[in-house]
Amino acid sequence: MAKNLTFSTFPPNNTLNKNVIPIVLLHGWGLNSGIWQPLLELFHANNESNYQLITLDLPGFGINSAVDIKPYSLANICHHIEQVIDQPAIYLGWSLGGLIATEMSIKYPEKVLALITVASSPYFVEQSINNWPGIKENVLESFHKQLAQDTAKTISGFLKIQAMGSPHIRKDLKLITQLVMAHTLPSQHTLADSLALLSHCDLRQHLSSIKQPFLRLYGHNDSLVPKGVIEQINHMAPKSDQHLFDHASHAPFISHLDDFYPVLVTWLESNFN
């Protein structure tokens, strides 16, 4: 049996507070929950007492680097998450984390108060047959090949892609790298297994079943989740809300935190206050 996942709360006490609304933050591929530190600090600085922020490293990542689950599937990851987060929560997922948060809202609707995806897609791979914008297959294939040779170099290259398009790319890249490298790097097989989720998982047909409040956040200059996908997802999830951050790339909560925060909080207040 796999070791249980461990979560962290902010401010730190690592116990779930029954008196406020929990927000579970799920990071993207190759990274860890350290990426959320600037957003956590801004919530704290603004005395947002209505919510409890919970960061959860995915199996094999960060503080959960020793958690080895088989198979490494969306369903299995979500099963382990719902075992440790035992009360309904808002799920906010970035990139791959958004795919997992979406699966949570579909498979465990009673556990998900609302769904927020950031620079994410129900299917990440570009498809020319139906004009679906996404990551080109050869880019994902190159990451798979690089993983077999140099894990750290592969992650570094992926970080650079995430910052591309940002008006202050060097600053963003430096901050993202510092936050992520402060934690244990995932193993090669964890990276390969989780990269396969980006390659193969397709939740497009299930978006219409999502009944919870649903917010989608995008970066105008994002090369991994191109803005062209927004209109197509609008039709798949017509009751969802969406916002596009001008000049932002794949990590708007890093590059445009001062814009990202009020958009997020305003939406939360409109749905939960």
C-alpha atoms as a PDB file:
ATOM      1  CA  MET A   1       0.000   0.000   0.000  1.00  0.00           C
ATOM      2  CA  ALA A   2       1.336   3.446  -0.909  1.00  0.00           C
ATOM      3  CA  LYS A   3       2.426   5.855   1.776  1.00  0.00           C
ATOM      4  CA  ASN A   4      -0.204   8.512   2.516  1.00  0.00           C
ATOM      5  CA  LEU A   5       0.133  11.985   1.067  1.00  0.00           C
ATOM      6  CA  THR A   6       1.107  14.845   3.359  1.00  0.00           C
ATOM      7  CA  PHE A   7      -0.251  18.382   3.053  1.00  0.00           C
ATOM      8  CA  SER A   8       0.780  21.756   4.454  1.00  0.00           C
ATOM      9  CA  THR A   9      -1.406  24.614   5.629  1.00  0.00           C
ATOM     10  CA  PHE A  10      -0.736  28.331   5.639  1.00  0.00           C
ATOM     11  CA  PRO A  11      -0.214  29.707   8.210  1.00  0.00           C
ATOM     12  CA  PRO A  12       1.477  26.453   9.245  1.00  0.00           C
ATOM     13  CA  ASN A  13      -0.327  24.150  11.676  1.00  0.00           C
ATOM     14  CA  ASN A  14      -1.083  21.223   9.318  1.00  0.00           C
ATOM     15  CA  THR A  15      -4.588  20.673  10.665  1.00  0.00           C
ATOM     16  CA  LEU A  16      -7.778  21.332   8.733  1.00  0.00           C
ATOM     17  CA  ASN A  17      -9.846  24.224  10.100  1.00  0.00           C
ATOM     18  CA  LYS A  18     -13.548  23.348  10.071  1.00  0.00           C
ATOM     19  CA  ASN A  19     -14.587  26.997  10.521  1.00  0.00           C
ATOM     20  CA  VAL A  20     -13.237  28.400   7.240  1.00  0.00           C
ATOM     21  CA  ILE A  21     -13.302  27.388   3.574  1.00  0.00           C
ATOM     22  CA  PRO A  22     -10.274  25.314   2.543  1.00  0.00           C
ATOM     23  CA  ILE A  23      -8.530  25.987  -0.767  1.00  0.00           C
ATOM     24  CA  VAL A  24      -6.339  23.117  -1.953  1.00  0.00           C
ATOM     25  CA  LEU A  25      -3.511  24.276  -4.250  1.00  0.00           C
ATOM     26  CA  LEU A  26      -2.131  21.732  -6.747  1.00  0.00           C
ATOM     27  CA  HIS A  27       1.124  22.475  -8.595  1.00  0.00           C
ATOM     28  CA  GLY A  28       2.168  21.668 -12.152  1.00  0.00           C
ATOM     29  CA  TRP A  29       4.419  19.082 -13.793  1.00  0.00           C
ATOM     30  CA  GLY A  30       8.003  18.761 -12.587  1.00  0.00           C
ATOM     31  CA  LEU A  31       7.557  21.283  -9.791  1.00  0.00           C
ATOM     32  CA  ASN A  32       6.190  21.328  -6.229  1.00  0.00           C
ATOM     33  CA  SER A  33       4.090  23.372  -3.827  1.00  0.00           C
ATOM     34  CA  GLY A  34       6.929  25.846  -3.238  1.00  0.00           C
ATOM     35  CA  ILE A  35       5.650  27.606  -6.362  1.00  0.00           C
ATOM     36  CA  TRP A  36       2.670  28.935  -4.368  1.00  0.00           C
ATOM     37  CA  GLN A  37       4.711  30.832  -1.764  1.00  0.00           C
ATOM     38  CA  PRO A  38       4.177  34.359  -3.193  1.00  0.00           C
ATOM     39  CA  LEU A  39       0.398  33.793  -3.392  1.00  0.00           C
ATOM     40  CA  LEU A  40       0.307  32.399   0.153  1.00  0.00           C
ATOM     41  CA  GLU A  41       2.147  35.422   1.491  1.00  0.00           C
ATOM     42  CA  LEU A  42      -0.194  37.832  -0.303  1.00  0.00           C
ATOM     43  CA  PHE A  43      -3.258  36.114   1.186  1.00  0.00           C
ATOM     44  CA  HIS A  44      -1.630  36.426   4.610  1.00  0.00           C
ATOM     45  CA  ALA A  45      -0.649  40.084   4.075  1.00  0.00           C
ATOM     46  CA  ASN A  46      -4.269  40.918   3.202  1.00  0.00           C
ATOM     47  CA  ASN A  47      -5.650  39.085   6.256  1.00  0.00           C
ATOM     48  CA  GLU A  48      -7.882  36.805   4.208  1.00  0.00           C
ATOM     49  CA  SER A  49      -9.377  34.958   7.177  1.00  0.00           C
ATOM     50  CA  ASN A  50     -12.302  33.343   5.324  1.00  0.00           C
ATOM     51  CA  TYR A  51     -10.082  30.730   3.725  1.00  0.00           C
ATOM     52  CA  GLN A  52      -7.499  28.171   4.769  1.00  0.00           C
ATOM     53  CA  LEU A  53      -4.831  27.607   2.125  1.00  0.00           C
ATOM     54  CA  ILE A  54      -3.625  24.021   1.789  1.00  0.00           C
ATOM     55  CA  THR A  55      -0.679  23.071  -0.418  1.00  0.00           C
ATOM     56  CA  LEU A  56      -0.467  19.470  -1.530  1.00  0.00           C
ATOM     57  CA  ASP A  57       2.527  18.067  -3.366  1.00  0.00           C
ATOM     58  CA  LEU A  58       1.486  15.469  -5.913  1.00  0.00           C
ATOM     59  CA  PRO A  59       2.671  11.886  -5.347  1.00  0.00           C
ATOM     60  CA  GLY A  60       6.418  11.689  -5.977  1.00  0.00           C
ATOM     61  CA  PHE A  61       6.948  15.462  -5.691  1.00  0.00           C
ATOM     62  CA  GLY A  62       8.219  17.789  -2.938  1.00  0.00           C
ATOM     63  CA  ILE A  63       7.391  16.621   0.568  1.00  0.00           C
ATOM     64  CA  ASN A  64       5.578  13.649  -0.992  1.00  0.00           C
ATOM     65  CA  SER A  65       8.616  12.522  -3.009  1.00  0.00           C
ATOM     66  CA  ALA A  66       8.569   9.178  -1.164  1.00  0.00           C
ATOM     67  CA  VAL A  67       4.936   8.473  -2.086  1.00  0.00           C
ATOM     68  CA  ASP A  68       5.038   5.956  -4.914  1.00  0.00           C
ATOM     69  CA  ILE A  69       1.628   5.064  -6.359  1.00  0.00           C
ATOM     70  CA  LYS A  70       0.886   2.524  -9.061  1.00  0.00           C
ATOM     71  CA  PRO A  71      -0.576   3.080 -11.520  1.00  0.00           C
ATOM     72  CA  TYR A  72       0.279   6.784 -11.750  1.00  0.00           C
ATOM     73  CA  SER A  73      -3.130   7.773 -13.085  1.00  0.00           C
ATOM     74  CA  LEU A  74      -5.526  10.678 -12.599  1.00  0.00           C
ATOM     75  CA  ALA A  75      -7.995   8.376 -10.858  1.00  0.00           C
ATOM     76  CA  ASN A  76      -5.377   6.984  -8.460  1.00  0.00           C
ATOM     77  CA  ILE A  77      -3.925  10.410  -7.639  1.00  0.00           C
ATOM     78  CA  CYS A  78      -7.398  11.780  -6.879  1.00  0.00           C
ATOM     79  CA  HIS A  79      -8.192   8.750  -4.736  1.00  0.00           C
ATOM     80  CA  HIS A  80      -5.143   9.481  -2.575  1.00  0.00           C
ATOM     81  CA  ILE A  81      -6.015  13.182  -2.359  1.00  0.00           C
ATOM     82  CA  GLU A  82      -9.579  12.575  -1.212  1.00  0.00           C
ATOM     83  CA  GLN A  83      -8.260  10.205   1.456  1.00  0.00           C
ATOM     84  CA  VAL A  84      -6.225  12.956   3.154  1.00  0.00           C
ATOM     85  CA  ILE A  85      -8.409  16.032   2.481  1.00  0.00           C
ATOM     86  CA  ASP A  86     -11.448  14.764   4.344  1.00  0.00           C
ATOM     87  CA  GLN A  87     -13.681  17.819   4.029  1.00  0.00           C
ATOM     88  CA  PRO A  88     -15.140  19.649   1.033  1.00  0.00           C
ATOM     89  CA  ALA A  89     -12.741  22.242  -0.384  1.00  0.00           C
ATOM     90  CA  ILE A  90     -12.136  24.584  -3.273  1.00  0.00           C
ATOM     91  CA  TYR A  91      -9.578  23.016  -5.620  1.00  0.00           C
ATOM     92  CA  LEU A  92      -7.201  25.355  -7.435  1.00  0.00           C
ATOM     93  CA  GLY A  93      -4.872  23.599  -9.861  1.00  0.00           C
ATOM     94  CA  TRP A  94      -2.150  24.989 -12.100  1.00  0.00           C
ATOM     95  CA  SER A  95      -1.294  23.285 -15.408  1.00  0.00           C
ATOM     96  CA  LEU A  96      -1.132  19.521 -14.638  1.00  0.00           C
ATOM     97  CA  GLY A  97      -2.601  20.383 -11.229  1.00  0.00           C
ATOM     98  CA  GLY A  98      -5.601  21.844 -13.048  1.00  0.00           C
ATOM     99  CA  LEU A  99      -6.142  18.555 -14.854  1.00  0.00           C
ATOM    100  CA  ILE A 100      -6.097  16.746 -11.511  1.00  0.00           C
ATOM    101  CA  ALA A 101      -8.401  19.313  -9.892  1.00  0.00           C
ATOM    102  CA  THR A 102     -10.807  18.871 -12.807  1.00  0.00           C
ATOM    103  CA  GLU A 103     -10.781  15.104 -12.326  1.00  0.00           C
ATOM    104  CA  MET A 104     -11.466  15.655  -8.606  1.00  0.00           C
ATOM    105  CA  SER A 105     -14.545  17.741  -9.411  1.00  0.00           C
ATOM    106  CA  ILE A 106     -15.835  15.056 -11.781  1.00  0.00           C
ATOM    107  CA  LYS A 107     -15.105  11.944  -9.669  1.00  0.00           C
ATOM    108  CA  TYR A 108     -15.673  13.425  -6.181  1.00  0.00           C
ATOM    109  CA  PRO A 109     -18.184  16.264  -6.663  1.00  0.00           C
ATOM    110  CA  GLU A 110     -19.211  16.084  -2.991  1.00  0.00           C
ATOM    111  CA  LYS A 111     -15.613  16.922  -2.024  1.00  0.00           C
ATOM    112  CA  VAL A 112     -15.194  19.901  -4.388  1.00  0.00           C
ATOM    113  CA  LEU A 113     -16.891  23.193  -3.491  1.00  0.00           C
ATOM    114  CA  ALA A 114     -15.497  24.950  -6.559  1.00  0.00           C
ATOM    115  CA  LEU A 115     -12.971  24.362  -9.315  1.00  0.00           C
ATOM    116  CA  ILE A 116     -10.317  26.878 -10.332  1.00  0.00           C
ATOM    117  CA  THR A 117      -7.858  26.022 -13.104  1.00  0.00           C
ATOM    118  CA  VAL A 118      -4.825  28.168 -13.923  1.00  0.00           C
ATOM    119  CA  ALA A 119      -3.068  27.885 -17.296  1.00  0.00           C
ATOM    120  CA  SER A 120      -4.595  24.460 -17.693  1.00  0.00           C
ATOM    121  CA  SER A 121      -6.509  22.465 -20.271  1.00  0.00           C
ATOM    122  CA  PRO A 122      -8.743  19.378 -20.311  1.00  0.00           C
ATOM    123  CA  TYR A 123      -6.400  18.067 -23.027  1.00  0.00           C
ATOM    124  CA  PHE A 124      -2.873  19.428 -23.399  1.00  0.00           C
ATOM    125  CA  VAL A 125      -1.785  18.110 -26.796  1.00  0.00           C
ATOM    126  CA  GLU A 126      -2.287  20.033 -30.025  1.00  0.00           C
ATOM    127  CA  GLN A 127      -4.655  18.345 -32.519  1.00  0.00           C
ATOM    128  CA  SER A 128      -4.707  19.611 -36.082  1.00  0.00           C
ATOM    129  CA  ILE A 129      -7.675  17.398 -36.994  1.00  0.00           C
ATOM    130  CA  ASN A 130     -10.088  19.562 -34.979  1.00  0.00           C
ATOM    131  CA  ASN A 131      -7.957  22.714 -34.581  1.00  0.00           C
ATOM    132  CA  TRP A 132      -7.368  22.055 -30.882  1.00  0.00           C
ATOM    133  CA  PRO A 133      -4.602  24.345 -29.543  1.00  0.00           C
ATOM    134  CA  GLY A 134      -2.054  22.784 -27.215  1.00  0.00           C
ATOM    135  CA  ILE A 135       1.502  21.546 -26.785  1.00  0.00           C
ATOM    136  CA  LYS A 136       3.014  20.156 -29.962  1.00  0.00           C
ATOM    137  CA  GLU A 137       3.584  16.397 -29.782  1.00  0.00           C
ATOM    138  CA  ASN A 138       7.265  16.745 -30.707  1.00  0.00           C
ATOM    139  CA  VAL A 139       7.796  19.037 -27.696  1.00  0.00           C
ATOM    140  CA  LEU A 140       6.387  16.418 -25.320  1.00  0.00           C
ATOM    141  CA  GLU A 141       8.411  13.706 -27.062  1.00  0.00           C
ATOM    142  CA  SER A 142      11.590  15.725 -26.603  1.00  0.00           C
ATOM    143  CA  PHE A 143      10.898  16.018 -22.867  1.00  0.00           C
ATOM    144  CA  HIS A 144      10.435  12.246 -22.641  1.00  0.00           C
ATOM    145  CA  LYS A 145      13.791  11.695 -24.381  1.00  0.00           C
ATOM    146  CA  GLN A 146      15.607  14.303 -22.267  1.00  0.00           C
ATOM    147  CA  LEU A 147      14.317  12.739 -19.051  1.00  0.00           C
ATOM    148  CA  ALA A 148      16.253   9.568 -19.795  1.00  0.00           C
ATOM    149  CA  GLN A 149      19.466  11.596 -20.034  1.00  0.00           C
ATOM    150  CA  ASP A 150      19.333  14.479 -17.539  1.00  0.00           C
ATOM    151  CA  THR A 151      16.420  15.069 -15.141  1.00  0.00           C
ATOM    152  CA  ALA A 152      17.608  18.425 -13.767  1.00  0.00           C
ATOM    153  CA  LYS A 153      18.307  19.790 -17.254  1.00  0.00           C
ATOM    154  CA  THR A 154      14.845  18.728 -18.417  1.00  0.00           C
ATOM    155  CA  ILE A 155      13.152  20.559 -15.540  1.00  0.00           C
ATOM    156  CA  SER A 156      15.303  23.625 -16.171  1.00  0.00           C
ATOM    157  CA  GLY A 157      14.255  23.652 -19.822  1.00  0.00           C
ATOM    158  CA  PHE A 158      10.622  23.292 -18.859  1.00  0.00           C
ATOM    159  CA  LEU A 159      10.898  26.239 -16.468  1.00  0.00           C
ATOM    160  CA  LYS A 160      12.227  28.407 -19.289  1.00  0.00           C
ATOM    161  CA  ILE A 161       9.241  27.528 -21.492  1.00  0.00           C
ATOM    162  CA  GLN A 162       6.855  28.485 -18.687  1.00  0.00           C
ATOM    163  CA  ALA A 163       8.387  31.938 -18.399  1.00  0.00           C
ATOM    164  CA  MET A 164       8.518  32.598 -22.156  1.00  0.00           C
ATOM    165  CA  GLY A 165       6.265  35.457 -23.155  1.00  0.00           C
ATOM    166  CA  SER A 166       6.433  37.178 -19.795  1.00  0.00           C
ATOM    167  CA  PRO A 167       7.497  40.852 -19.932  1.00  0.00           C
ATOM    168  CA  HIS A 168      10.029  40.149 -17.156  1.00  0.00           C
ATOM    169  CA  ILE A 169      11.150  36.661 -18.071  1.00  0.00           C
ATOM    170  CA  ARG A 170      14.507  36.671 -16.233  1.00  0.00           C
ATOM    171  CA  LYS A 171      12.971  37.802 -12.967  1.00  0.00           C
ATOM    172  CA  ASP A 172      10.150  35.249 -13.223  1.00  0.00           C
ATOM    173  CA  LEU A 173      12.491  32.415 -14.154  1.00  0.00           C
ATOM    174  CA  LYS A 174      14.815  33.213 -11.251  1.00  0.00           C
ATOM    175  CA  LEU A 175      11.933  33.274  -8.755  1.00  0.00           C
ATOM    176  CA  ILE A 176      10.314  30.073 -10.061  1.00  0.00           C
ATOM    177  CA  THR A 177      13.665  28.269  -9.989  1.00  0.00           C
ATOM    178  CA  GLN A 178      14.420  29.393  -6.413  1.00  0.00           C
ATOM    179  CA  LEU A 179      10.999  28.327  -5.157  1.00  0.00           C
ATOM    180  CA  VAL A 180      11.062  24.925  -6.836  1.00  0.00           C
ATOM    181  CA  MET A 181      14.675  23.974  -6.187  1.00  0.00           C
ATOM    182  CA  ALA A 182      14.211  24.543  -2.441  1.00  0.00           C
ATOM    183  CA  HIS A 183      12.443  21.153  -2.367  1.00  0.00           C
ATOM    184  CA  THR A 184      13.418  17.606  -3.293  1.00  0.00           C
ATOM    185  CA  LEU A 185      13.399  16.995  -7.034  1.00  0.00           C
ATOM    186  CA  PRO A 186      11.136  14.186  -8.272  1.00  0.00           C
ATOM    187  CA  SER A 187      12.587  10.927  -9.551  1.00  0.00           C
ATOM    188  CA  GLN A 188      12.979  10.216 -13.231  1.00  0.00           C
ATOM    189  CA  HIS A 189      10.180   7.651 -13.243  1.00  0.00           C
ATOM    190  CA  THR A 190       7.787  10.025 -11.439  1.00  0.00           C
ATOM    191  CA  LEU A 191       8.503  12.705 -14.025  1.00  0.00           C
ATOM    192  CA  ALA A 192       7.961  10.258 -16.871  1.00  0.00           C
ATOM    193  CA  ASP A 193       4.723   8.906 -15.391  1.00  0.00           C
ATOM    194  CA  SER A 194       3.311  12.386 -14.723  1.00  0.00           C
ATOM    195  CA  LEU A 195       4.400  13.663 -18.142  1.00  0.00           C
ATOM    196  CA  ALA A 196       2.383  10.811 -19.643  1.00  0.00           C
ATOM    197  CA  LEU A 197      -0.726  12.318 -18.019  1.00  0.00           C
ATOM    198  CA  LEU A 198      -0.182  15.515 -20.017  1.00  0.00           C
ATOM    199  CA  SER A 199       0.236  13.419 -23.161  1.00  0.00           C
ATOM    200  CA  HIS A 200      -2.763  11.119 -22.850  1.00  0.00           C
ATOM    201  CA  CYS A 201      -5.459  12.377 -20.459  1.00  0.00           C
ATOM    202  CA  ASP A 202      -8.508  13.881 -22.128  1.00  0.00           C
ATOM    203  CA  LEU A 203     -11.334  15.306 -19.998  1.00  0.00           C
ATOM    204  CA  ARG A 204     -13.010  17.395 -22.692  1.00  0.00           C
ATOM    205  CA  GLN A 205     -16.179  15.310 -22.861  1.00  0.00           C
ATOM    206  CA  HIS A 206     -16.632  15.523 -19.098  1.00  0.00           C
ATOM    207  CA  LEU A 207     -16.503  19.312 -18.616  1.00  0.00           C
ATOM    208  CA  SER A 208     -20.250  19.664 -19.118  1.00  0.00           C
ATOM    209  CA  SER A 209     -20.855  17.468 -16.052  1.00  0.00           C
ATOM    210  CA  ILE A 210     -19.134  19.932 -13.706  1.00  0.00           C
ATOM    211  CA  LYS A 211     -21.841  21.584 -11.596  1.00  0.00           C
ATOM    212  CA  GLN A 212     -19.690  23.467  -9.097  1.00  0.00           C
ATOM    213  CA  PRO A 213     -18.647  27.099  -9.594  1.00  0.00           C
ATOM    214  CA  PHE A 214     -15.829  26.932 -12.146  1.00  0.00           C
ATOM    215  CA  LEU A 215     -13.201  29.606 -12.869  1.00  0.00           C
ATOM    216  CA  ARG A 216     -10.590  29.307 -15.629  1.00  0.00           C
ATOM    217  CA  LEU A 217      -7.552  31.600 -15.624  1.00  0.00           C
ATOM    218  CA  TYR A 218      -5.187  31.994 -18.579  1.00  0.00           C
ATOM    219  CA  GLY A 219      -2.085  33.874 -19.708  1.00  0.00           C
ATOM    220  CA  HIS A 220      -2.271  35.752 -23.023  1.00  0.00           C
ATOM    221  CA  ASN A 221       1.293  34.743 -23.990  1.00  0.00           C
ATOM    222  CA  ASP A 222       1.134  31.146 -22.749  1.00  0.00           C
ATOM    223  CA  SER A 223       2.820  28.776 -25.223  1.00  0.00           C
ATOM    224  CA  LEU A 224       1.796  25.599 -23.362  1.00  0.00           C
ATOM    225  CA  VAL A 225      -1.918  26.414 -23.061  1.00  0.00           C
ATOM    226  CA  PRO A 226      -2.513  28.802 -25.993  1.00  0.00           C
ATOM    227  CA  LYS A 227      -5.281  31.364 -25.602  1.00  0.00           C
ATOM    228  CA  GLY A 228      -6.965  29.901 -28.691  1.00  0.00           C
ATOM    229  CA  VAL A 229      -8.262  27.060 -26.517  1.00  0.00           C
ATOM    230  CA  ILE A 230     -10.387  29.414 -24.405  1.00  0.00           C
ATOM    231  CA  GLU A 231     -13.280  29.765 -26.826  1.00  0.00           C
ATOM    232  CA  GLN A 232     -13.494  26.011 -27.390  1.00  0.00           C
ATOM    233  CA  ILE A 233     -13.650  25.344 -23.648  1.00  0.00           C
ATOM    234  CA  ASN A 234     -16.295  28.058 -23.301  1.00  0.00           C
ATOM    235  CA  HIS A 235     -18.605  25.829 -25.346  1.00  0.00           C
ATOM    236  CA  MET A 236     -17.707  22.711 -23.332  1.00  0.00           C
ATOM    237  CA  ALA A 237     -18.236  24.428 -19.966  1.00  0.00           C
ATOM    238  CA  PRO A 238     -20.723  27.241 -20.751  1.00  0.00           C
ATOM    239  CA  LYS A 239     -21.457  27.968 -17.088  1.00  0.00           C
ATOM    240  CA  SER A 240     -17.824  28.512 -16.174  1.00  0.00           C
ATOM    241  CA  ASP A 241     -16.133  31.894 -15.800  1.00  0.00           C
ATOM    242  CA  GLN A 242     -12.824  32.776 -17.419  1.00  0.00           C
ATOM    243  CA  HIS A 243     -10.215  35.515 -17.301  1.00  0.00           C
ATOM    244  CA  LEU A 244      -7.232  36.181 -19.573  1.00  0.00           C
ATOM    245  CA  PHE A 245      -4.246  38.036 -18.074  1.00  0.00           C
ATOM    246  CA  ASP A 246      -2.655  40.401 -20.588  1.00  0.00           C
ATOM    247  CA  HIS A 247       1.093  39.865 -21.183  1.00  0.00           C
ATOM    248  CA  ALA A 248       1.156  36.871 -18.818  1.00  0.00           C
ATOM    249  CA  SER A 249       2.631  33.498 -19.742  1.00  0.00           C
ATOM    250  CA  HIS A 250       2.153  30.077 -18.124  1.00  0.00           C
ATOM    251  CA  ALA A 251       2.478  31.220 -14.499  1.00  0.00           C
ATOM    252  CA  PRO A 252       0.325  34.365 -14.066  1.00  0.00           C
ATOM    253  CA  PHE A 253       0.304  33.940 -10.274  1.00  0.00           C
ATOM    254  CA  ILE A 254       4.073  34.561 -10.428  1.00  0.00           C
ATOM    255  CA  SER A 255       4.499  37.081 -13.255  1.00  0.00           C
ATOM    256  CA  HIS A 256       1.285  39.049 -12.588  1.00  0.00           C
ATOM    257  CA  LEU A 257       0.554  38.318  -8.947  1.00  0.00           C
ATOM    258  CA  ASP A 258      -0.818  41.808  -8.262  1.00  0.00           C
ATOM    259  CA  ASP A 259      -3.393  41.282 -11.036  1.00  0.00           C
ATOM    260  CA  PHE A 260      -3.985  37.609 -10.320  1.00  0.00           C
ATOM    261  CA  TYR A 261      -4.798  38.044  -6.632  1.00  0.00           C
ATOM    262  CA  PRO A 262      -7.741  40.515  -6.935  1.00  0.00           C
ATOM    263  CA  VAL A 263      -9.294  38.526  -9.805  1.00  0.00           C
ATOM    264  CA  LEU A 264      -9.134  35.370  -7.701  1.00  0.00           C
ATOM    265  CA  VAL A 265     -10.398  36.936  -4.466  1.00  0.00           C
ATOM    266  CA  THR A 266     -13.217  38.847  -6.185  1.00  0.00           C
ATOM    267  CA  TRP A 267     -14.457  35.618  -7.753  1.00  0.00           C
ATOM    268  CA  LEU A 268     -14.209  33.756  -4.446  1.00  0.00           C
ATOM    269  CA  GLU A 269     -16.168  36.474  -2.641  1.00  0.00           C
ATOM    270  CA  SER A 270     -18.872  36.489  -5.315  1.00  0.00           C
ATOM    271  CA  ASN A 271     -19.397  32.755  -4.875  1.00  0.00           C
ATOM    272  CA  PHE A 272     -18.759  32.171  -1.161  1.00  0.00           C
ATOM    273  CA  ASN A 273     -19.709  35.354   0.721  1.00  0.00           C
END
